[in-house]
Amino acid sequence: MNRKDKERPLSTGNLSHIASVWVITDGKAGDEAQCVGVAEALGAPFEIRRVAPKAPFTWAMPWGPIDPRERPDAPKSPLKPPFPDVAIASGRRAVAYLRHLKKASSGRIFTVFLKDPKTGTSAADLIWVAEHDRLRGGNVLVTLTSPHRFSAGRLEEARSMPLPEIVALKPPRVAVLAGGNSRHHRFTELDTARFLTGLADLAGQGASLMITPSRRTPTGLARDLARLAREGSHLFWNGEGDNPLLQYLANADAIVVTADSTNMIGEAAATGRPVHVFHPGGGHRKFDRFLAQMSEIGVVHPFPGPLKTTTYEPINSTPEIAAAIRAALQDRRPD
């Protein structure tokens, strides 16, 4: 290890200026996307650092210790210095690594954790949780929706330059975000039939569908969605090439999303377009609390059901989280 790199001081002076950011996860797409969204909102250069602890160290997560093969002084460590000004982490396996970084930098790194770390409020300098989670504390920021990468600027750019295949669709254009089976939700055959019937009804009423499945979408459901798209002038992303989700959201007149993912619903809410939520089997109190709040403010509506046209002020917590990080750094500035 280069000793000079190891001892490079972090930014001092105006601590609200952020020169470098690390995003730390174990590579899970959802965790990483949230962290990257916040890093992008900070407007500072960032690097993605993925950790991959092995057993028996994974057994002790989120408490730690970290895998010694990934300590900052290890030859191939993802935490190798020079250290950043800010480290943003998410996911159970990243908790101990964030804590280790704080200690290794003699407390100079400002640490941020997204979602409940399950180890208490001392896990990071700033912790973000959604309102439907229970964790609270002086360093805990609570917002209604989750952070993501669909900023107002990116959505506006996508609206100004829509894909040709989207331009060719007749309005109303409906983005369909299909999730899938999860710890709390399960698509039964009846659920699949209800979902497909609801979408077919929209298509029969003249709506153009823009469908994106997720990694969790059951194979049979994905196959049926693709067939539905082929039966009319609709779009279906088969997982090849660039994900058109940003384009679909930006250019949608309305959105249909499955209730198994609060993240997807939060992304949809960033558009200001009506969000229609389909409930597969199962559920959880956290999801119910979240959806009740979103319904109260007129963002979400039941699906199947009439297609709404009412709009609202877009909801996006990502800039708020970035602003909280900057404010906290400003508070740390020496007198």
C-alpha atoms as a PDB file:
ATOM      1  CA  MET A   1       0.000   0.000   0.000  1.00  0.00           C
ATOM      2  CA  ASN A   2       1.198   3.486  -0.827  1.00  0.00           C
ATOM      3  CA  ARG A   3       1.840   5.145   2.525  1.00  0.00           C
ATOM      4  CA  LYS A   4       1.214   8.585   1.076  1.00  0.00           C
ATOM      5  CA  ASP A   5      -2.242   7.485  -0.092  1.00  0.00           C
ATOM      6  CA  LYS A   6      -3.012   5.986   3.276  1.00  0.00           C
ATOM      7  CA  GLU A   7      -2.241   9.199   5.084  1.00  0.00           C
ATOM      8  CA  ARG A   8      -3.933  11.572   2.642  1.00  0.00           C
ATOM      9  CA  PRO A   9      -6.083  13.868   4.775  1.00  0.00           C
ATOM     10  CA  LEU A  10      -9.744  14.210   4.008  1.00  0.00           C
ATOM     11  CA  SER A  11     -11.116  17.564   2.923  1.00  0.00           C
ATOM     12  CA  THR A  12     -10.999  20.177   5.647  1.00  0.00           C
ATOM     13  CA  GLY A  13     -11.890  23.832   5.666  1.00  0.00           C
ATOM     14  CA  ASN A  14     -15.410  24.084   4.274  1.00  0.00           C
ATOM     15  CA  LEU A  15     -16.703  20.643   5.157  1.00  0.00           C
ATOM     16  CA  SER A  16     -19.929  21.222   3.260  1.00  0.00           C
ATOM     17  CA  HIS A  17     -17.828  20.889   0.091  1.00  0.00           C
ATOM     18  CA  ILE A  18     -17.651  17.221  -0.831  1.00  0.00           C
ATOM     19  CA  ALA A  19     -14.660  16.178  -2.907  1.00  0.00           C
ATOM     20  CA  SER A  20     -15.305  12.432  -3.033  1.00  0.00           C
ATOM     21  CA  VAL A  21     -17.985   9.877  -2.185  1.00  0.00           C
ATOM     22  CA  TRP A  22     -17.971   6.094  -1.856  1.00  0.00           C
ATOM     23  CA  VAL A  23     -21.044   3.940  -2.392  1.00  0.00           C
ATOM     24  CA  ILE A  24     -20.704   0.750  -0.335  1.00  0.00           C
ATOM     25  CA  THR A  25     -22.969  -2.275  -0.816  1.00  0.00           C
ATOM     26  CA  ASP A  26     -22.651  -5.993  -1.428  1.00  0.00           C
ATOM     27  CA  GLY A  27     -23.825  -5.398  -4.990  1.00  0.00           C
ATOM     28  CA  LYS A  28     -27.574  -5.833  -4.559  1.00  0.00           C
ATOM     29  CA  ALA A  29     -29.149  -3.749  -7.305  1.00  0.00           C
ATOM     30  CA  GLY A  30     -31.826  -2.119  -5.152  1.00  0.00           C
ATOM     31  CA  ASP A  31     -29.417  -1.070  -2.404  1.00  0.00           C
ATOM     32  CA  GLU A  32     -26.861   0.217  -4.867  1.00  0.00           C
ATOM     33  CA  ALA A  33     -29.388   2.214  -6.903  1.00  0.00           C
ATOM     34  CA  GLN A  34     -30.577   4.070  -3.813  1.00  0.00           C
ATOM     35  CA  CYS A  35     -27.032   4.941  -2.767  1.00  0.00           C
ATOM     36  CA  VAL A  36     -26.073   6.037  -6.269  1.00  0.00           C
ATOM     37  CA  GLY A  37     -29.165   8.233  -6.437  1.00  0.00           C
ATOM     38  CA  VAL A  38     -28.089  10.087  -3.300  1.00  0.00           C
ATOM     39  CA  ALA A  39     -24.477  10.309  -4.501  1.00  0.00           C
ATOM     40  CA  GLU A  40     -25.642  11.800  -7.798  1.00  0.00           C
ATOM     41  CA  ALA A  41     -27.804  14.311  -5.931  1.00  0.00           C
ATOM     42  CA  LEU A  42     -24.745  15.426  -3.952  1.00  0.00           C
ATOM     43  CA  GLY A  43     -23.088  16.353  -7.237  1.00  0.00           C
ATOM     44  CA  ALA A  44     -19.678  15.054  -6.159  1.00  0.00           C
ATOM     45  CA  PRO A  45     -17.489  12.429  -7.853  1.00  0.00           C
ATOM     46  CA  PHE A  46     -18.330   8.986  -6.502  1.00  0.00           C
ATOM     47  CA  GLU A  47     -16.992   5.455  -6.697  1.00  0.00           C
ATOM     48  CA  ILE A  48     -18.865   2.202  -6.180  1.00  0.00           C
ATOM     49  CA  ARG A  49     -17.095  -0.084  -3.704  1.00  0.00           C
ATOM     50  CA  ARG A  50     -18.624  -3.556  -3.387  1.00  0.00           C
ATOM     51  CA  VAL A  51     -17.886  -5.737  -0.390  1.00  0.00           C
ATOM     52  CA  ALA A  52     -18.064  -9.529  -0.469  1.00  0.00           C
ATOM     53  CA  PRO A  53     -17.466 -10.998   2.988  1.00  0.00           C
ATOM     54  CA  LYS A  54     -17.272 -14.771   3.234  1.00  0.00           C
ATOM     55  CA  ALA A  55     -18.330 -17.162   5.979  1.00  0.00           C
ATOM     56  CA  PRO A  56     -17.965 -17.147   8.928  1.00  0.00           C
ATOM     57  CA  PHE A  57     -17.939 -13.334   8.827  1.00  0.00           C
ATOM     58  CA  THR A  58     -21.260 -13.166   6.974  1.00  0.00           C
ATOM     59  CA  TRP A  59     -22.854 -14.971   9.901  1.00  0.00           C
ATOM     60  CA  ALA A  60     -22.148 -12.033  12.210  1.00  0.00           C
ATOM     61  CA  MET A  61     -23.547  -9.355   9.909  1.00  0.00           C
ATOM     62  CA  PRO A  62     -24.692  -6.647  10.466  1.00  0.00           C
ATOM     63  CA  TRP A  63     -22.667  -6.527  13.673  1.00  0.00           C
ATOM     64  CA  GLY A  64     -19.293  -7.522  12.274  1.00  0.00           C
ATOM     65  CA  PRO A  65     -16.360  -7.815  12.323  1.00  0.00           C
ATOM     66  CA  ILE A  66     -15.630  -7.386   8.627  1.00  0.00           C
ATOM     67  CA  ASP A  67     -13.820 -10.024   6.616  1.00  0.00           C
ATOM     68  CA  PRO A  68     -10.090  -9.377   7.274  1.00  0.00           C
ATOM     69  CA  ARG A  69      -9.393  -9.959   3.568  1.00  0.00           C
ATOM     70  CA  GLU A  70     -11.271  -6.717   2.956  1.00  0.00           C
ATOM     71  CA  ARG A  71      -9.676  -4.527   5.616  1.00  0.00           C
ATOM     72  CA  PRO A  72      -8.350  -1.222   4.206  1.00  0.00           C
ATOM     73  CA  ASP A  73      -4.747  -2.424   4.512  1.00  0.00           C
ATOM     74  CA  ALA A  74      -5.386  -5.682   2.610  1.00  0.00           C
ATOM     75  CA  PRO A  75      -3.876  -5.812  -0.917  1.00  0.00           C
ATOM     76  CA  LYS A  76      -7.169  -6.202  -2.797  1.00  0.00           C
ATOM     77  CA  SER A  77      -9.457  -4.471  -0.335  1.00  0.00           C
ATOM     78  CA  PRO A  78     -12.497  -2.597  -1.707  1.00  0.00           C
ATOM     79  CA  LEU A  79     -11.863  -0.137   1.128  1.00  0.00           C
ATOM     80  CA  LYS A  80      -8.308   0.703   0.124  1.00  0.00           C
ATOM     81  CA  PRO A  81      -7.405   4.396   0.719  1.00  0.00           C
ATOM     82  CA  PRO A  82      -7.379   7.232  -0.109  1.00  0.00           C
ATOM     83  CA  PHE A  83     -10.594   7.511   1.860  1.00  0.00           C
ATOM     84  CA  PRO A  84     -13.572   9.602   0.714  1.00  0.00           C
ATOM     85  CA  ASP A  85     -15.198  12.553   2.419  1.00  0.00           C
ATOM     86  CA  VAL A  86     -18.550  10.759   2.505  1.00  0.00           C
ATOM     87  CA  ALA A  87     -19.415   7.051   2.504  1.00  0.00           C
ATOM     88  CA  ILE A  88     -22.992   6.010   1.683  1.00  0.00           C
ATOM     89  CA  ALA A  89     -23.927   2.409   2.413  1.00  0.00           C
ATOM     90  CA  SER A  90     -26.961   0.153   2.356  1.00  0.00           C
ATOM     91  CA  GLY A  91     -27.640  -3.511   2.992  1.00  0.00           C
ATOM     92  CA  ARG A  92     -27.062  -5.798   5.967  1.00  0.00           C
ATOM     93  CA  ARG A  93     -23.526  -6.761   4.954  1.00  0.00           C
ATOM     94  CA  ALA A  94     -22.420  -3.140   4.557  1.00  0.00           C
ATOM     95  CA  VAL A  95     -23.190  -2.042   8.137  1.00  0.00           C
ATOM     96  CA  ALA A  96     -20.000  -3.375   9.707  1.00  0.00           C
ATOM     97  CA  TYR A  97     -17.900  -2.061   6.812  1.00  0.00           C
ATOM     98  CA  LEU A  98     -19.233   1.455   7.275  1.00  0.00           C
ATOM     99  CA  ARG A  99     -18.435   1.297  10.975  1.00  0.00           C
ATOM    100  CA  HIS A 100     -14.941  -0.016  10.219  1.00  0.00           C
ATOM    101  CA  LEU A 101     -14.304   2.812   7.740  1.00  0.00           C
ATOM    102  CA  LYS A 102     -15.292   5.387  10.325  1.00  0.00           C
ATOM    103  CA  LYS A 103     -12.751   3.996  12.761  1.00  0.00           C
ATOM    104  CA  ALA A 104     -10.024   3.516  10.128  1.00  0.00           C
ATOM    105  CA  SER A 105     -10.320   7.183   9.120  1.00  0.00           C
ATOM    106  CA  SER A 106     -10.109   8.348  12.751  1.00  0.00           C
ATOM    107  CA  GLY A 107     -13.678   9.552  12.462  1.00  0.00           C
ATOM    108  CA  ARG A 108     -13.064  11.870   9.520  1.00  0.00           C
ATOM    109  CA  ILE A 109     -15.327  10.136   7.008  1.00  0.00           C
ATOM    110  CA  PHE A 110     -18.949  11.264   7.214  1.00  0.00           C
ATOM    111  CA  THR A 111     -20.959   8.056   7.121  1.00  0.00           C
ATOM    112  CA  VAL A 112     -24.490   7.644   5.785  1.00  0.00           C
ATOM    113  CA  PHE A 113     -26.641   4.522   5.954  1.00  0.00           C
ATOM    114  CA  LEU A 114     -29.824   4.065   3.946  1.00  0.00           C
ATOM    115  CA  LYS A 115     -32.574   2.013   5.647  1.00  0.00           C
ATOM    116  CA  ASP A 116     -32.623   0.614   9.172  1.00  0.00           C
ATOM    117  CA  PRO A 117     -29.196  -0.923   9.903  1.00  0.00           C
ATOM    118  CA  LYS A 118     -30.736  -3.055  12.696  1.00  0.00           C
ATOM    119  CA  THR A 119     -27.841  -2.114  15.003  1.00  0.00           C
ATOM    120  CA  GLY A 120     -29.208   1.173  16.326  1.00  0.00           C
ATOM    121  CA  THR A 121     -28.632   4.820  15.552  1.00  0.00           C
ATOM    122  CA  SER A 122     -24.871   4.660  16.186  1.00  0.00           C
ATOM    123  CA  ALA A 123     -24.364   2.778  12.900  1.00  0.00           C
ATOM    124  CA  ALA A 124     -23.694   6.005  10.959  1.00  0.00           C
ATOM    125  CA  ASP A 125     -23.478   9.766  11.286  1.00  0.00           C
ATOM    126  CA  LEU A 126     -26.734  10.046   9.345  1.00  0.00           C
ATOM    127  CA  ILE A 127     -29.331   7.336   8.806  1.00  0.00           C
ATOM    128  CA  TRP A 128     -32.235   7.558   6.401  1.00  0.00           C
ATOM    129  CA  VAL A 129     -35.400   5.497   6.839  1.00  0.00           C
ATOM    130  CA  ALA A 130     -38.828   5.601   5.247  1.00  0.00           C
ATOM    131  CA  GLU A 131     -41.781   6.667   7.390  1.00  0.00           C
ATOM    132  CA  HIS A 132     -43.177   3.148   7.465  1.00  0.00           C
ATOM    133  CA  ASP A 133     -40.033   1.955   9.308  1.00  0.00           C
ATOM    134  CA  ARG A 134     -39.831   2.319  13.091  1.00  0.00           C
ATOM    135  CA  LEU A 135     -36.282   3.591  13.691  1.00  0.00           C
ATOM    136  CA  ARG A 136     -36.111   7.148  15.028  1.00  0.00           C
ATOM    137  CA  GLY A 137     -33.352   9.288  16.528  1.00  0.00           C
ATOM    138  CA  GLY A 138     -31.568  12.607  16.423  1.00  0.00           C
ATOM    139  CA  ASN A 139     -29.444  11.524  13.451  1.00  0.00           C
ATOM    140  CA  VAL A 140     -32.276   9.712  11.651  1.00  0.00           C
ATOM    141  CA  LEU A 141     -33.875  11.391   8.633  1.00  0.00           C
ATOM    142  CA  VAL A 142     -37.388  10.170   7.865  1.00  0.00           C
ATOM    143  CA  THR A 143     -39.118  10.642   4.501  1.00  0.00           C
ATOM    144  CA  LEU A 144     -42.234   9.227   2.893  1.00  0.00           C
ATOM    145  CA  THR A 145     -40.549   7.639  -0.131  1.00  0.00           C
ATOM    146  CA  SER A 146     -37.205   5.981  -0.807  1.00  0.00           C
ATOM    147  CA  PRO A 147     -34.288   7.601  -2.652  1.00  0.00           C
ATOM    148  CA  HIS A 148     -33.697   6.689  -6.285  1.00  0.00           C
ATOM    149  CA  ARG A 149     -32.009   7.886  -9.480  1.00  0.00           C
ATOM    150  CA  PHE A 150     -35.049   9.402 -11.228  1.00  0.00           C
ATOM    151  CA  SER A 151     -34.325  13.067 -10.586  1.00  0.00           C
ATOM    152  CA  ALA A 152     -36.491  15.864 -11.945  1.00  0.00           C
ATOM    153  CA  GLY A 153     -33.709  16.732 -14.383  1.00  0.00           C
ATOM    154  CA  ARG A 154     -33.389  13.208 -15.770  1.00  0.00           C
ATOM    155  CA  LEU A 155     -37.158  12.863 -16.135  1.00  0.00           C
ATOM    156  CA  GLU A 156     -37.420  16.198 -17.934  1.00  0.00           C
ATOM    157  CA  GLU A 157     -34.589  15.262 -20.280  1.00  0.00           C
ATOM    158  CA  ALA A 158     -36.313  11.959 -21.090  1.00  0.00           C
ATOM    159  CA  ARG A 159     -39.561  13.817 -21.791  1.00  0.00           C
ATOM    160  CA  SER A 160     -37.792  16.186 -24.144  1.00  0.00           C
ATOM    161  CA  MET A 161     -36.185  13.307 -26.059  1.00  0.00           C
ATOM    162  CA  PRO A 162     -38.632  10.380 -26.014  1.00  0.00           C
ATOM    163  CA  LEU A 163     -37.752   7.125 -27.716  1.00  0.00           C
ATOM    164  CA  PRO A 164     -39.248   6.814 -31.225  1.00  0.00           C
ATOM    165  CA  GLU A 165     -41.239   3.750 -30.192  1.00  0.00           C
ATOM    166  CA  ILE A 166     -42.843   5.766 -27.391  1.00  0.00           C
ATOM    167  CA  VAL A 167     -43.699   8.649 -29.716  1.00  0.00           C
ATOM    168  CA  ALA A 168     -45.496   6.144 -31.948  1.00  0.00           C
ATOM    169  CA  LEU A 169     -47.842   5.061 -29.137  1.00  0.00           C
ATOM    170  CA  LYS A 170     -51.333   6.501 -28.909  1.00  0.00           C
ATOM    171  CA  PRO A 171     -52.219   8.198 -25.616  1.00  0.00           C
ATOM    172  CA  PRO A 172     -52.932   7.544 -22.897  1.00  0.00           C
ATOM    173  CA  ARG A 173     -49.577   5.884 -22.360  1.00  0.00           C
ATOM    174  CA  VAL A 174     -49.458   3.705 -19.254  1.00  0.00           C
ATOM    175  CA  ALA A 175     -46.158   2.558 -17.743  1.00  0.00           C
ATOM    176  CA  VAL A 176     -46.498  -0.874 -16.128  1.00  0.00           C
ATOM    177  CA  LEU A 177     -43.919  -1.770 -13.460  1.00  0.00           C
ATOM    178  CA  ALA A 178     -44.296  -5.471 -12.719  1.00  0.00           C
ATOM    179  CA  GLY A 179     -42.584  -6.761  -9.606  1.00  0.00           C
ATOM    180  CA  GLY A 180     -42.870 -10.304  -8.384  1.00  0.00           C
ATOM    181  CA  ASN A 181     -42.559 -12.723  -5.521  1.00  0.00           C
ATOM    182  CA  SER A 182     -40.866 -11.468  -2.371  1.00  0.00           C
ATOM    183  CA  ARG A 183     -40.600 -12.256   1.310  1.00  0.00           C
ATOM    184  CA  HIS A 184     -44.040 -10.760   1.936  1.00  0.00           C
ATOM    185  CA  HIS A 185     -45.843 -11.113  -1.401  1.00  0.00           C
ATOM    186  CA  ARG A 186     -46.633 -13.997  -3.720  1.00  0.00           C
ATOM    187  CA  PHE A 187     -48.257 -13.990  -7.153  1.00  0.00           C
ATOM    188  CA  THR A 188     -50.816 -16.798  -7.229  1.00  0.00           C
ATOM    189  CA  GLU A 189     -52.476 -17.963 -10.434  1.00  0.00           C
ATOM    190  CA  LEU A 190     -55.522 -15.919  -9.450  1.00  0.00           C
ATOM    191  CA  ASP A 191     -53.348 -12.822  -8.889  1.00  0.00           C
ATOM    192  CA  THR A 192     -51.727 -13.247 -12.283  1.00  0.00           C
ATOM    193  CA  ALA A 193     -55.117 -13.601 -13.958  1.00  0.00           C
ATOM    194  CA  ARG A 194     -56.489 -10.490 -12.196  1.00  0.00           C
ATOM    195  CA  PHE A 195     -53.428  -8.443 -13.124  1.00  0.00           C
ATOM    196  CA  LEU A 196     -53.505  -9.488 -16.774  1.00  0.00           C
ATOM    197  CA  THR A 197     -57.255  -8.935 -17.027  1.00  0.00           C
ATOM    198  CA  GLY A 198     -56.893  -5.439 -15.598  1.00  0.00           C
ATOM    199  CA  LEU A 199     -54.171  -4.575 -18.100  1.00  0.00           C
ATOM    200  CA  ALA A 200     -56.143  -6.081 -20.975  1.00  0.00           C
ATOM    201  CA  ASP A 201     -59.117  -3.928 -19.974  1.00  0.00           C
ATOM    202  CA  LEU A 202     -56.921  -0.809 -20.132  1.00  0.00           C
ATOM    203  CA  ALA A 203     -55.685  -1.842 -23.560  1.00  0.00           C
ATOM    204  CA  GLY A 204     -59.259  -2.465 -24.663  1.00  0.00           C
ATOM    205  CA  GLN A 205     -60.159   1.078 -23.617  1.00  0.00           C
ATOM    206  CA  GLY A 206     -57.439   2.455 -25.898  1.00  0.00           C
ATOM    207  CA  ALA A 207     -54.461   2.751 -23.540  1.00  0.00           C
ATOM    208  CA  SER A 208     -50.950   1.987 -24.790  1.00  0.00           C
ATOM    209  CA  LEU A 209     -48.936  -0.104 -22.336  1.00  0.00           C
ATOM    210  CA  MET A 210     -45.191   0.233 -21.682  1.00  0.00           C
ATOM    211  CA  ILE A 211     -44.297  -2.824 -19.609  1.00  0.00           C
ATOM    212  CA  THR A 212     -41.128  -3.508 -17.625  1.00  0.00           C
ATOM    213  CA  PRO A 213     -40.769  -6.705 -15.571  1.00  0.00           C
ATOM    214  CA  SER A 214     -38.250  -7.013 -12.748  1.00  0.00           C
ATOM    215  CA  ARG A 215     -35.778  -9.696 -11.722  1.00  0.00           C
ATOM    216  CA  ARG A 216     -38.441 -11.066  -9.379  1.00  0.00           C
ATOM    217  CA  THR A 217     -41.233 -11.322 -11.935  1.00  0.00           C
ATOM    218  CA  PRO A 218     -42.324 -14.980 -12.228  1.00  0.00           C
ATOM    219  CA  THR A 219     -41.417 -16.488 -15.584  1.00  0.00           C
ATOM    220  CA  GLY A 220     -45.021 -17.288 -16.423  1.00  0.00           C
ATOM    221  CA  LEU A 221     -46.196 -13.762 -15.652  1.00  0.00           C
ATOM    222  CA  ALA A 222     -43.392 -12.234 -17.736  1.00  0.00           C
ATOM    223  CA  ARG A 223     -44.312 -14.520 -20.622  1.00  0.00           C
ATOM    224  CA  ASP A 224     -47.987 -13.518 -20.379  1.00  0.00           C
ATOM    225  CA  LEU A 225     -47.101  -9.813 -20.223  1.00  0.00           C
ATOM    226  CA  ALA A 226     -44.954 -10.169 -23.339  1.00  0.00           C
ATOM    227  CA  ARG A 227     -47.809 -11.915 -25.136  1.00  0.00           C
ATOM    228  CA  LEU A 228     -50.233  -9.161 -24.093  1.00  0.00           C
ATOM    229  CA  ALA A 229     -47.859  -6.555 -25.520  1.00  0.00           C
ATOM    230  CA  ARG A 230     -47.601  -8.425 -28.825  1.00  0.00           C
ATOM    231  CA  GLU A 231     -51.383  -8.543 -29.165  1.00  0.00           C
ATOM    232  CA  GLY A 232     -51.580  -4.764 -29.562  1.00  0.00           C
ATOM    233  CA  SER A 233     -49.505  -1.642 -30.046  1.00  0.00           C
ATOM    234  CA  HIS A 234     -47.678  -1.935 -26.738  1.00  0.00           C
ATOM    235  CA  LEU A 235     -44.076  -2.081 -25.530  1.00  0.00           C
ATOM    236  CA  PHE A 236     -42.440  -4.814 -23.438  1.00  0.00           C
ATOM    237  CA  TRP A 237     -38.834  -4.783 -22.251  1.00  0.00           C
ATOM    238  CA  ASN A 238     -37.372  -8.287 -22.439  1.00  0.00           C
ATOM    239  CA  GLY A 239     -34.284  -7.504 -20.370  1.00  0.00           C
ATOM    240  CA  GLU A 240     -31.983  -6.974 -23.332  1.00  0.00           C
ATOM    241  CA  GLY A 241     -30.215  -3.682 -23.979  1.00  0.00           C
ATOM    242  CA  ASP A 242     -30.690  -0.532 -21.936  1.00  0.00           C
ATOM    243  CA  ASN A 243     -33.513  -0.530 -19.418  1.00  0.00           C
ATOM    244  CA  PRO A 244     -36.166   1.908 -20.743  1.00  0.00           C
ATOM    245  CA  LEU A 245     -37.758   2.459 -17.316  1.00  0.00           C
ATOM    246  CA  LEU A 246     -36.725   6.124 -17.148  1.00  0.00           C
ATOM    247  CA  GLN A 247     -38.258   6.743 -20.579  1.00  0.00           C
ATOM    248  CA  TYR A 248     -41.422   4.842 -19.676  1.00  0.00           C
ATOM    249  CA  LEU A 249     -41.904   6.760 -16.425  1.00  0.00           C
ATOM    250  CA  ALA A 250     -41.096  10.151 -17.912  1.00  0.00           C
ATOM    251  CA  ASN A 251     -43.512   9.762 -20.819  1.00  0.00           C
ATOM    252  CA  ALA A 252     -46.371   8.018 -19.037  1.00  0.00           C
ATOM    253  CA  ASP A 253     -49.790   9.589 -18.566  1.00  0.00           C
ATOM    254  CA  ALA A 254     -50.451   7.095 -15.776  1.00  0.00           C
ATOM    255  CA  ILE A 255     -48.589   4.269 -14.064  1.00  0.00           C
ATOM    256  CA  VAL A 256     -49.521   0.776 -12.886  1.00  0.00           C
ATOM    257  CA  VAL A 257     -47.194  -0.795 -10.321  1.00  0.00           C
ATOM    258  CA  THR A 258     -47.362  -3.901  -8.161  1.00  0.00           C
ATOM    259  CA  ALA A 259     -47.512  -3.468  -4.382  1.00  0.00           C
ATOM    260  CA  ASP A 260     -44.586  -5.772  -3.576  1.00  0.00           C
ATOM    261  CA  SER A 261     -42.045  -2.931  -3.846  1.00  0.00           C
ATOM    262  CA  THR A 262     -42.256   0.403  -2.035  1.00  0.00           C
ATOM    263  CA  ASN A 263     -39.189   1.417  -4.053  1.00  0.00           C
ATOM    264  CA  MET A 264     -41.023   1.053  -7.366  1.00  0.00           C
ATOM    265  CA  ILE A 265     -43.989   3.005  -6.027  1.00  0.00           C
ATOM    266  CA  GLY A 266     -41.651   5.754  -4.833  1.00  0.00           C
ATOM    267  CA  GLU A 267     -40.000   5.920  -8.247  1.00  0.00           C
ATOM    268  CA  ALA A 268     -43.403   6.223  -9.891  1.00  0.00           C
ATOM    269  CA  ALA A 269     -44.373   9.037  -7.508  1.00  0.00           C
ATOM    270  CA  ALA A 270     -41.427  11.118  -8.753  1.00  0.00           C
ATOM    271  CA  THR A 271     -43.317  11.677 -12.013  1.00  0.00           C
ATOM    272  CA  GLY A 272     -46.371  13.455 -10.606  1.00  0.00           C
ATOM    273  CA  ARG A 273     -48.560  11.054 -12.602  1.00  0.00           C
ATOM    274  CA  PRO A 274     -51.346   8.962 -11.018  1.00  0.00           C
ATOM    275  CA  VAL A 275     -50.056   5.645  -9.659  1.00  0.00           C
ATOM    276  CA  HIS A 276     -52.358   2.615  -9.739  1.00  0.00           C
ATOM    277  CA  VAL A 277     -51.327  -0.160  -7.346  1.00  0.00           C
ATOM    278  CA  PHE A 278     -52.034  -3.856  -7.849  1.00  0.00           C
ATOM    279  CA  HIS A 279     -51.957  -6.044  -4.725  1.00  0.00           C
ATOM    280  CA  PRO A 280     -50.699  -9.627  -5.163  1.00  0.00           C
ATOM    281  CA  GLY A 281     -51.208 -12.148  -2.399  1.00  0.00           C
ATOM    282  CA  GLY A 282     -49.654 -11.497   1.002  1.00  0.00           C
ATOM    283  CA  GLY A 283     -48.595  -8.150   2.389  1.00  0.00           C
ATOM    284  CA  HIS A 284     -47.087  -6.539   5.469  1.00  0.00           C
ATOM    285  CA  ARG A 285     -48.027  -3.808   7.927  1.00  0.00           C
ATOM    286  CA  LYS A 286     -45.148  -1.645   6.648  1.00  0.00           C
ATOM    287  CA  PHE A 287     -46.493  -1.755   3.110  1.00  0.00           C
ATOM    288  CA  ASP A 288     -50.020  -1.056   4.358  1.00  0.00           C
ATOM    289  CA  ARG A 289     -48.879   2.022   6.306  1.00  0.00           C
ATOM    290  CA  PHE A 290     -46.966   3.349   3.324  1.00  0.00           C
ATOM    291  CA  LEU A 291     -49.799   2.835   0.862  1.00  0.00           C
ATOM    292  CA  ALA A 292     -52.322   4.382   3.260  1.00  0.00           C
ATOM    293  CA  GLN A 293     -50.209   7.535   3.463  1.00  0.00           C
ATOM    294  CA  MET A 294     -49.758   7.673  -0.308  1.00  0.00           C
ATOM    295  CA  SER A 295     -53.497   7.205  -0.798  1.00  0.00           C
ATOM    296  CA  GLU A 296     -54.345   9.982   1.664  1.00  0.00           C
ATOM    297  CA  ILE A 297     -52.382  12.513  -0.386  1.00  0.00           C
ATOM    298  CA  GLY A 298     -53.914  11.357  -3.655  1.00  0.00           C
ATOM    299  CA  VAL A 299     -50.876   9.676  -5.191  1.00  0.00           C
ATOM    300  CA  VAL A 300     -51.973   6.028  -5.388  1.00  0.00           C
ATOM    301  CA  HIS A 301     -55.216   4.431  -6.529  1.00  0.00           C
ATOM    302  CA  PRO A 302     -56.410   0.811  -6.636  1.00  0.00           C
ATOM    303  CA  PHE A 303     -55.839  -1.442  -9.634  1.00  0.00           C
ATOM    304  CA  PRO A 304     -57.761  -2.912 -11.361  1.00  0.00           C
ATOM    305  CA  GLY A 305     -59.881   0.220 -11.475  1.00  0.00           C
ATOM    306  CA  PRO A 306     -60.609   3.327 -13.517  1.00  0.00           C
ATOM    307  CA  LEU A 307     -57.581   5.068 -14.980  1.00  0.00           C
ATOM    308  CA  LYS A 308     -57.066   8.354 -13.137  1.00  0.00           C
ATOM    309  CA  THR A 309     -55.889  11.545 -14.807  1.00  0.00           C
ATOM    310  CA  THR A 310     -55.265  13.713 -11.737  1.00  0.00           C
ATOM    311  CA  THR A 311     -51.694  14.880 -11.179  1.00  0.00           C
ATOM    312  CA  TYR A 312     -49.832  16.081  -8.078  1.00  0.00           C
ATOM    313  CA  GLU A 313     -46.557  17.679  -7.120  1.00  0.00           C
ATOM    314  CA  PRO A 314     -43.856  15.047  -7.784  1.00  0.00           C
ATOM    315  CA  ILE A 315     -42.517  13.372  -4.649  1.00  0.00           C
ATOM    316  CA  ASN A 316     -38.786  12.709  -4.448  1.00  0.00           C
ATOM    317  CA  SER A 317     -36.906  12.305  -1.180  1.00  0.00           C
ATOM    318  CA  THR A 318     -33.469  12.064  -2.808  1.00  0.00           C
ATOM    319  CA  PRO A 319     -32.679  15.817  -2.883  1.00  0.00           C
ATOM    320  CA  GLU A 320     -33.842  16.087   0.733  1.00  0.00           C
ATOM    321  CA  ILE A 321     -31.420  13.365   1.814  1.00  0.00           C
ATOM    322  CA  ALA A 322     -28.566  15.013  -0.083  1.00  0.00           C
ATOM    323  CA  ALA A 323     -29.405  18.368   1.523  1.00  0.00           C
ATOM    324  CA  ALA A 324     -29.377  16.756   4.976  1.00  0.00           C
ATOM    325  CA  ILE A 325     -25.898  15.350   4.321  1.00  0.00           C
ATOM    326  CA  ARG A 326     -24.608  18.764   3.282  1.00  0.00           C
ATOM    327  CA  ALA A 327     -26.217  20.430   6.295  1.00  0.00           C
ATOM    328  CA  ALA A 328     -24.680  17.881   8.656  1.00  0.00           C
ATOM    329  CA  LEU A 329     -21.256  18.419   7.091  1.00  0.00           C
ATOM    330  CA  GLN A 330     -21.684  22.171   7.475  1.00  0.00           C
ATOM    331  CA  ASP A 331     -22.436  21.662  11.175  1.00  0.00           C
ATOM    332  CA  ARG A 332     -19.133  19.786  11.548  1.00  0.00           C
ATOM    333  CA  ARG A 333     -17.121  22.726  10.210  1.00  0.00           C
ATOM    334  CA  PRO A 334     -14.577  23.971  12.757  1.00  0.00           C
ATOM    335  CA  ASP A 335     -15.297  27.367  14.299  1.00  0.00           C
END
